[in-house]
Amino acid sequence: MAVFSCQGLLLPAAVCLLPACREFQLSTEPATKFRVRSRERREMHFARAEYLSFLWAVPALGIFLFWTLRSRRRRLERFVSPPLVPQLTEEFSRRKAFLRTLLLLGFFTFGILALARPQWGAKLETVRRHGVDIIVGLDTSYSMNTEDVAPNRLAKAKSEIRTLLEKMKGDRIGIVTFAGSAVIECPLTLDYGAASLFLDVANTEIIPDPGTSLAAAIETATSAFIAKERKYKVLILFTDGEDLEGQVDSAADKAKDAGVIIYAVGIGTPVGRPIPVRDQKGDIVEYRKDPNGQVIISSLDERSLAEIATRTGGCYFRATTSENEMDALYDEISKLEKKELESRLYQNFEDQFQYPLALALLCLAAETWISERRKPGRSWLQKAQRWRSQETEAGSSNAA
């Protein structure tokens, strides 16, 4: 008997909603590391509005289902004789079949709305984090072009800083670039993405003054911290340690008095190599020379960096290929006392998919629970009335 049934559509459709439910559940988990104060605004939009285009299929599905429902009897008459049709369909309830079709359409409608992720309740939040203020001092002098570490010292220093950014949790970050002088490229911020953008544009041409002044880097970084605080301050120097200007000891003592702890990460090798000079195509045209015409060999000065770090209570690390030293460095920083930091952020709308999803599942459960058969009592009553009418007809024929 070619009678259409919509049961086969329900299980695949319900299964399609499960991955979306898991995605929504993950996206609505509350943050556990921050304390939040918020002001809520009541607006609504759909995060995945492209799914709403599937709503155009619901009317087409409804027309198809209702057409199938109306044509059941005609299809049945093709296979059985007309006198048998009333007996085969006497327990069929068109009203219940109509209701089941509406529930099926409701399941698809609300399921599509759930997939579109309706959202409302946008919040302007104050996010509070605990951490320390970290200034990264990046050496951008010409000696950082030396290629004793791959691909060169400056690129290696940037890679180390990016690894550090990935490990930071709640700390504020700032960037100071230095050569013969020092400049604050990125003030202290909780936006690690912005700090990474400033890091990307750093090169050996960014500071016009040639040379290397570790004292200028330390003094500029110290001024970038909050002056009234005597703790929560960390300066990390990424440099080869060559200081051509002097006065670094005095600058380190002033930083210590201001509560700054200096860590140093040595970039390069103690053996060293010449400093290449490249043309616009990136080809090496010569090597830098001193006033006497001798090729300069730039090497890592680990001793000076270690003295600066220990002078302020910090530590020295040498950059390696594995960059495991960043784990040890951040472990040291994590032991320091932390303060409460604050930044105002605008949070996206909150997912409210659970409401249309609940309605979709309710329609699915109701459609499955409702049967298209008439109530048994009513069916037996109709049979008894028909049997009585048949007896009456038989009695009147016998009397005749």
Protein backbone atom coordinates (compact mmCIF):
# COMPACT_ATOMS: atom_id res chain seq x y z
CA MET A 1 0.00 0.00 0.00
CA ALA A 2 1.64 3.26 -1.13
CA VAL A 3 0.83 5.40 1.87
CA PHE A 4 3.35 8.16 2.66
CA SER A 5 4.71 8.31 6.22
CA CYS A 6 6.77 11.19 7.66
CA GLN A 7 8.32 9.13 10.47
CA GLY A 8 11.48 8.64 8.41
CA LEU A 9 12.16 12.38 8.37
CA LEU A 10 12.19 12.81 12.14
CA LEU A 11 15.25 10.88 13.28
CA PRO A 12 17.68 12.31 10.68
CA ALA A 13 16.41 15.83 11.34
CA ALA A 14 16.77 15.40 15.09
CA VAL A 15 20.30 14.03 14.69
CA CYS A 16 21.24 17.07 12.57
CA LEU A 17 20.43 19.33 15.52
CA LEU A 18 22.76 17.53 17.96
CA PRO A 19 26.11 18.95 16.70
CA ALA A 20 24.64 22.43 16.73
CA CYS A 21 23.45 21.91 20.31
CA ARG A 22 26.99 20.92 21.36
CA GLU A 23 28.41 24.00 19.61
CA PHE A 24 25.95 26.29 21.36
CA GLN A 25 26.65 24.71 24.70
CA LEU A 26 30.35 25.38 24.32
CA SER A 27 29.81 28.95 23.23
CA THR A 28 27.68 29.80 26.27
CA GLU A 29 30.01 28.51 28.98
CA PRO A 30 30.64 31.24 31.57
CA ALA A 31 34.16 32.56 32.00
CA THR A 32 35.72 31.34 35.24
CA LYS A 33 38.83 33.50 35.32
CA PHE A 34 37.20 36.90 35.33
CA ARG A 35 34.72 38.79 37.45
CA VAL A 36 32.20 40.71 35.41
CA ARG A 37 29.91 43.68 35.99
CA SER A 38 27.53 44.35 33.12
CA ARG A 39 24.68 46.47 31.81
CA GLU A 40 22.25 44.56 29.60
CA ARG A 41 20.54 45.83 26.45
CA ARG A 42 17.48 44.05 25.06
CA GLU A 43 17.94 43.56 21.34
CA MET A 44 17.76 40.50 19.15
CA HIS A 45 19.52 39.20 16.08
CA PHE A 46 20.61 35.87 14.61
CA ALA A 47 24.26 34.81 14.79
CA ARG A 48 23.86 32.38 11.86
CA ALA A 49 21.25 34.18 9.82
CA GLU A 50 22.16 32.16 6.71
CA TYR A 51 20.20 29.23 8.14
CA LEU A 52 17.01 31.30 7.99
CA SER A 53 16.96 30.76 4.22
CA PHE A 54 15.88 27.18 4.93
CA LEU A 55 12.56 28.54 6.22
CA TRP A 56 11.51 28.91 2.59
CA ALA A 57 11.48 25.12 2.40
CA VAL A 58 8.93 24.80 5.22
CA PRO A 59 5.90 26.00 3.14
CA ALA A 60 6.93 23.66 0.32
CA LEU A 61 7.19 20.79 2.79
CA GLY A 62 3.78 21.70 4.22
CA ILE A 63 2.14 21.68 0.78
CA PHE A 64 3.70 18.30 0.04
CA LEU A 65 2.61 16.77 3.36
CA PHE A 66 -0.97 18.05 3.10
CA TRP A 67 -1.21 16.91 -0.51
CA THR A 68 -0.01 13.46 0.56
CA LEU A 69 -2.56 13.40 3.37
CA ARG A 70 -5.42 14.29 1.04
CA SER A 71 -4.40 11.79 -1.63
CA ARG A 72 -4.17 8.77 0.69
CA ARG A 73 -7.68 7.60 0.01
CA ARG A 74 -7.26 7.92 -3.77
CA ARG A 75 -4.06 5.88 -3.71
CA LEU A 76 -5.73 3.26 -1.55
CA GLU A 77 -8.59 2.87 -4.04
CA ARG A 78 -6.07 1.92 -6.74
CA PHE A 79 -5.12 -1.27 -4.90
CA VAL A 80 -8.37 -2.44 -3.26
CA SER A 81 -11.97 -2.63 -4.34
CA PRO A 82 -14.19 0.33 -3.39
CA PRO A 83 -16.35 -1.66 -0.92
CA LEU A 84 -13.22 -2.45 1.17
CA VAL A 85 -12.01 1.15 1.42
CA PRO A 86 -14.41 2.18 4.25
CA GLN A 87 -13.44 -0.90 6.27
CA LEU A 88 -9.68 -0.23 5.87
CA THR A 89 -9.96 3.45 6.77
CA GLU A 90 -12.62 3.32 9.48
CA GLU A 91 -10.00 3.61 12.26
CA PHE A 92 -8.09 6.42 10.51
CA SER A 93 -8.52 9.90 12.02
CA ARG A 94 -7.99 12.71 9.53
CA ARG A 95 -8.00 15.25 12.35
CA LYS A 96 -5.09 13.55 14.14
CA ALA A 97 -3.20 13.14 10.87
CA PHE A 98 -3.66 16.86 10.20
CA LEU A 99 -2.40 17.67 13.72
CA ARG A 100 0.67 15.45 13.26
CA THR A 101 1.50 17.22 10.03
CA LEU A 102 1.33 20.61 11.77
CA LEU A 103 3.60 19.33 14.57
CA LEU A 104 6.12 18.06 12.03
CA LEU A 105 6.17 21.46 10.33
CA GLY A 106 6.61 23.07 13.75
CA PHE A 107 9.59 20.80 14.45
CA PHE A 108 11.34 21.87 11.26
CA THR A 109 10.47 25.55 11.75
CA PHE A 110 11.70 25.80 15.32
CA GLY A 111 14.71 23.58 14.52
CA ILE A 112 15.81 26.00 11.80
CA LEU A 113 15.37 28.92 14.19
CA ALA A 114 17.55 27.13 16.75
CA LEU A 115 20.26 26.55 14.14
CA ALA A 116 20.16 30.27 13.28
CA ARG A 117 21.11 30.98 16.92
CA PRO A 118 18.79 33.78 18.07
CA GLN A 119 20.62 36.08 20.46
CA TRP A 120 19.61 38.91 22.73
CA GLY A 121 20.79 40.45 25.98
CA ALA A 122 23.96 42.27 24.79
CA LYS A 123 26.13 43.49 27.67
CA LEU A 124 28.63 46.29 28.09
CA GLU A 125 30.96 44.62 30.57
CA THR A 126 33.70 45.55 32.95
CA VAL A 127 36.08 42.58 32.92
CA ARG A 128 38.39 42.27 35.91
CA ARG A 129 41.59 40.21 35.73
CA HIS A 130 44.43 39.53 38.12
CA GLY A 131 48.00 39.74 36.93
CA VAL A 132 51.12 41.87 36.69
CA ASP A 133 52.28 44.58 34.30
CA ILE A 134 54.85 43.26 31.84
CA ILE A 135 56.91 45.48 29.53
CA VAL A 136 58.78 43.70 26.75
CA GLY A 137 62.00 45.45 25.71
CA LEU A 138 62.81 44.46 22.12
CA ASP A 139 66.26 45.25 20.78
CA THR A 140 65.94 46.61 17.22
CA SER A 141 69.55 47.68 16.70
CA TYR A 142 71.44 46.64 13.57
CA SER A 143 73.17 43.82 15.46
CA MET A 144 69.78 42.04 15.65
CA ASN A 145 70.14 41.31 11.92
CA THR A 146 72.96 38.90 12.73
CA GLU A 147 72.19 35.38 11.54
CA ASP A 148 73.87 33.29 14.22
CA VAL A 149 70.35 32.05 15.10
CA ALA A 150 67.80 31.19 12.42
CA PRO A 151 66.58 33.16 10.60
CA ASN A 152 68.15 36.10 12.48
CA ARG A 153 68.17 37.51 15.99
CA LEU A 154 65.25 39.91 15.54
CA ALA A 155 62.97 37.25 14.05
CA LYS A 156 63.96 34.87 16.84
CA ALA A 157 63.19 37.51 19.48
CA LYS A 158 59.74 38.10 17.95
CA SER A 159 59.06 34.36 17.99
CA GLU A 160 60.00 34.19 21.68
CA ILE A 161 57.68 37.10 22.50
CA ARG A 162 54.77 35.49 20.62
CA THR A 163 55.30 32.30 22.62
CA LEU A 164 55.20 34.39 25.79
CA LEU A 165 51.96 36.06 24.69
CA GLU A 166 50.35 32.65 24.22
CA LYS A 167 51.19 31.73 27.81
CA MET A 168 50.06 34.96 29.45
CA LYS A 169 46.83 34.83 31.45
CA GLY A 170 45.36 38.11 32.62
CA ASP A 171 48.61 40.12 32.67
CA ARG A 172 48.94 43.48 30.95
CA ILE A 173 51.54 43.70 28.20
CA GLY A 174 53.47 46.63 26.74
CA ILE A 175 56.26 46.86 24.17
CA VAL A 176 59.34 49.11 24.15
CA THR A 177 61.68 49.04 21.16
CA PHE A 178 65.22 50.33 21.54
CA ALA A 179 68.46 50.90 19.68
CA GLY A 180 70.47 54.09 20.39
CA SER A 181 67.28 55.40 22.06
CA ALA A 182 64.03 53.81 23.19
CA VAL A 183 60.36 54.31 22.30
CA ILE A 184 57.12 52.94 23.80
CA GLU A 185 55.55 51.18 20.82
CA CYS A 186 52.60 49.68 22.73
CA PRO A 187 51.36 50.99 26.11
CA LEU A 188 50.24 48.53 28.75
CA THR A 189 47.12 46.73 27.55
CA LEU A 190 45.06 43.57 28.01
CA ASP A 191 44.59 43.31 24.26
CA TYR A 192 47.19 40.73 23.25
CA GLY A 193 46.06 40.95 19.63
CA ALA A 194 46.95 44.64 19.48
CA ALA A 195 50.33 43.96 21.09
CA SER A 196 50.99 41.29 18.47
CA LEU A 197 50.26 43.81 15.69
CA PHE A 198 52.80 46.25 17.12
CA LEU A 199 55.28 43.39 17.33
CA ASP A 200 54.79 42.52 13.66
CA VAL A 201 55.86 45.96 12.42
CA ALA A 202 59.03 46.16 14.54
CA ASN A 203 62.25 46.17 12.49
CA THR A 204 65.81 47.46 12.66
CA GLU A 205 64.80 50.71 10.92
CA ILE A 206 62.11 51.69 13.42
CA ILE A 207 64.56 53.60 15.70
CA PRO A 208 66.50 56.27 13.80
CA ASP A 209 69.32 56.47 16.37
CA PRO A 210 72.01 53.83 15.71
CA GLY A 211 73.73 51.91 18.47
CA THR A 212 72.39 49.97 21.46
CA SER A 213 71.44 51.61 24.76
CA LEU A 214 70.17 49.19 27.38
CA ALA A 215 70.00 52.12 29.83
CA ALA A 216 67.54 53.95 27.58
CA ALA A 217 65.42 50.80 27.28
CA ILE A 218 65.29 50.33 31.07
CA GLU A 219 64.53 54.01 31.77
CA THR A 220 61.78 54.20 29.14
CA ALA A 221 60.18 50.97 30.34
CA THR A 222 60.29 52.14 33.97
CA SER A 223 58.47 55.34 33.02
CA ALA A 224 55.75 53.28 31.30
CA PHE A 225 54.73 51.66 34.61
CA ILE A 226 52.46 53.28 37.19
CA ALA A 227 54.85 55.36 39.27
CA LYS A 228 53.06 55.08 42.62
CA GLU A 229 53.24 51.27 42.66
CA ARG A 230 56.29 49.51 44.05
CA LYS A 231 55.45 46.02 42.80
CA TYR A 232 53.58 44.16 40.06
CA LYS A 233 56.20 45.44 37.52
CA VAL A 234 58.20 43.20 35.19
CA LEU A 235 60.59 44.18 32.39
CA ILE A 236 61.77 41.47 30.00
CA LEU A 237 64.71 42.41 27.74
CA PHE A 238 65.06 40.50 24.46
CA THR A 239 68.51 41.48 23.27
CA ASP A 240 71.99 40.28 22.38
CA GLY A 241 73.34 42.25 25.36
CA GLU A 242 75.72 44.50 23.46
CA ASP A 243 75.59 47.90 25.17
CA LEU A 244 77.38 50.67 23.31
CA GLU A 245 76.19 53.63 25.39
CA GLY A 246 76.93 52.64 29.03
CA GLN A 247 75.18 53.77 32.27
CA VAL A 248 73.18 50.53 32.39
CA ASP A 249 74.05 49.87 36.05
CA SER A 250 72.62 53.21 37.15
CA ALA A 251 69.44 52.62 35.13
CA ALA A 252 69.04 49.13 36.64
CA ASP A 253 69.38 50.52 40.18
CA LYS A 254 66.69 53.15 39.50
CA ALA A 255 64.40 50.46 38.10
CA LYS A 256 64.93 48.34 41.22
CA ASP A 257 64.09 51.33 43.44
CA ALA A 258 60.85 51.75 41.42
CA GLY A 259 59.90 48.12 42.07
CA VAL A 260 60.73 46.81 38.59
CA ILE A 261 62.05 43.26 38.28
CA ILE A 262 64.14 42.75 35.14
CA TYR A 263 64.39 39.46 33.28
CA ALA A 264 66.72 39.06 30.33
CA VAL A 265 66.51 36.71 27.36
CA GLY A 266 69.73 36.46 25.40
CA ILE A 267 69.35 36.28 21.62
CA GLY A 268 72.35 34.99 19.65
CA THR A 269 75.50 32.98 20.35
CA PRO A 270 78.69 33.86 22.30
CA VAL A 271 80.75 33.14 19.18
CA GLY A 272 78.79 35.59 17.07
CA ARG A 273 78.84 36.43 13.37
CA PRO A 274 79.20 39.52 11.13
CA ILE A 275 76.20 41.85 10.74
CA PRO A 276 74.89 41.64 7.17
CA VAL A 277 73.71 44.61 5.13
CA ARG A 278 71.06 43.75 2.54
CA ASP A 279 69.71 45.55 -0.47
CA GLN A 280 66.02 46.01 -1.32
CA LYS A 281 65.92 42.54 -2.87
CA GLY A 282 67.13 40.96 0.36
CA ASP A 283 70.57 40.04 -0.96
CA ILE A 284 73.64 40.57 1.22
CA VAL A 285 75.81 43.31 -0.30
CA GLU A 286 78.34 43.73 2.53
CA TYR A 287 78.92 43.41 6.28
CA ARG A 288 79.00 46.28 8.75
CA LYS A 289 82.44 47.62 9.62
CA ASP A 290 83.92 49.73 12.40
CA PRO A 291 85.60 53.13 11.76
CA ASN A 292 88.88 51.31 11.11
CA GLY A 293 87.34 49.32 8.27
CA GLN A 294 87.25 46.03 10.17
CA VAL A 295 84.19 43.76 9.89
CA ILE A 296 82.19 43.87 13.12
CA ILE A 297 81.60 40.52 14.80
CA SER A 298 78.47 40.76 16.96
CA SER A 299 78.22 38.22 19.80
CA LEU A 300 75.90 37.52 22.71
CA ASP A 301 77.01 39.14 25.99
CA GLU A 302 75.45 36.78 28.52
CA ARG A 303 77.47 38.04 31.45
CA SER A 304 76.14 41.60 31.23
CA LEU A 305 72.54 40.43 30.86
CA ALA A 306 72.82 38.09 33.83
CA GLU A 307 74.22 40.91 35.99
CA ILE A 308 71.37 43.26 35.05
CA ALA A 309 68.75 40.60 35.85
CA THR A 310 70.21 39.51 39.20
CA ARG A 311 70.71 43.15 40.19
CA THR A 312 66.93 43.64 40.26
CA GLY A 313 65.91 40.19 41.51
CA GLY A 314 65.23 38.66 38.11
CA CYS A 315 66.75 35.83 36.07
CA TYR A 316 68.59 35.37 32.80
CA PHE A 317 67.59 32.90 30.07
CA ARG A 318 69.20 32.12 26.73
CA ALA A 319 66.88 31.73 23.74
CA THR A 320 66.83 28.19 22.36
CA THR A 321 65.22 26.50 19.38
CA SER A 322 62.58 24.76 21.52
CA GLU A 323 61.70 28.03 23.35
CA ASN A 324 61.18 26.07 26.56
CA GLU A 325 62.82 28.96 28.39
CA MET A 326 59.53 30.86 27.99
CA ASP A 327 57.84 28.25 30.18
CA ALA A 328 60.46 28.74 32.89
CA LEU A 329 60.28 32.53 32.50
CA TYR A 330 56.51 32.71 32.85
CA ASP A 331 56.61 30.28 35.78
CA GLU A 332 58.88 32.76 37.55
CA ILE A 333 56.56 35.65 36.74
CA SER A 334 53.51 33.66 37.90
CA LYS A 335 55.03 33.41 41.38
CA LEU A 336 54.95 37.19 41.80
CA GLU A 337 52.17 38.93 43.69
CA LYS A 338 49.35 39.94 41.36
CA LYS A 339 47.02 42.91 41.30
CA GLU A 340 43.51 43.43 39.97
CA LEU A 341 43.49 44.81 36.45
CA GLU A 342 40.43 46.25 34.67
CA SER A 343 39.44 46.72 31.05
CA ARG A 344 36.08 47.62 29.52
CA LEU A 345 34.97 45.26 26.76
CA TYR A 346 31.77 44.89 24.72
CA GLN A 347 30.42 41.34 24.83
CA ASN A 348 28.47 39.78 21.98
CA PHE A 349 24.79 38.90 22.30
CA GLU A 350 24.01 35.87 24.43
CA ASP A 351 22.76 32.73 22.70
CA GLN A 352 19.08 31.96 23.35
CA PHE A 353 18.83 28.96 21.03
CA GLN A 354 17.44 26.79 23.82
CA TYR A 355 13.94 28.24 23.51
CA PRO A 356 13.24 27.37 19.84
CA LEU A 357 15.15 24.11 20.34
CA ALA A 358 12.87 23.16 23.25
CA LEU A 359 9.80 23.92 21.13
CA ALA A 360 11.22 21.85 18.26
CA LEU A 361 11.81 18.85 20.53
CA LEU A 362 8.35 19.30 22.06
CA CYS A 363 6.77 19.19 18.59
CA LEU A 364 8.84 16.11 17.76
CA ALA A 365 7.76 14.31 20.96
CA ALA A 366 4.10 15.21 20.44
CA GLU A 367 4.16 14.11 16.79
CA THR A 368 5.65 10.76 17.80
CA TRP A 369 3.20 10.26 20.67
CA ILE A 370 -0.01 11.08 18.77
CA SER A 371 -1.48 8.20 16.77
CA GLU A 372 -3.53 8.55 13.59
CA ARG A 373 -5.95 5.85 14.78
CA ARG A 374 -9.28 6.74 16.28
CA LYS A 375 -9.95 6.01 19.91
CA PRO A 376 -10.76 2.31 20.44
CA GLY A 377 -14.05 2.99 22.19
CA ARG A 378 -15.38 5.05 19.35
CA SER A 379 -14.37 2.40 16.80
CA TRP A 380 -16.19 -0.38 18.69
CA LEU A 381 -19.26 1.84 19.01
CA GLN A 382 -19.34 2.37 15.27
CA LYS A 383 -18.98 -1.39 14.71
CA ALA A 384 -21.87 -2.10 17.12
CA GLN A 385 -24.09 0.44 15.39
CA ARG A 386 -23.26 -1.04 11.99
CA TRP A 387 -23.92 -4.61 13.30
CA ARG A 388 -27.29 -3.51 14.69
CA SER A 389 -28.25 -1.84 11.41
CA GLN A 390 -27.26 -5.01 9.54
CA GLU A 391 -29.45 -7.12 11.86
CA THR A 392 -32.37 -4.72 11.34
CA GLU A 393 -31.98 -4.96 7.58
CA ALA A 394 -31.79 -8.77 7.78
CA GLY A 395 -34.89 -8.97 9.97
CA SER A 396 -36.93 -6.76 7.69
CA SER A 397 -35.85 -8.83 4.65
CA ASN A 398 -36.90 -12.07 6.42
CA ALA A 399 -40.28 -10.59 7.32
CA ALA A 400 -40.80 -9.63 3.76
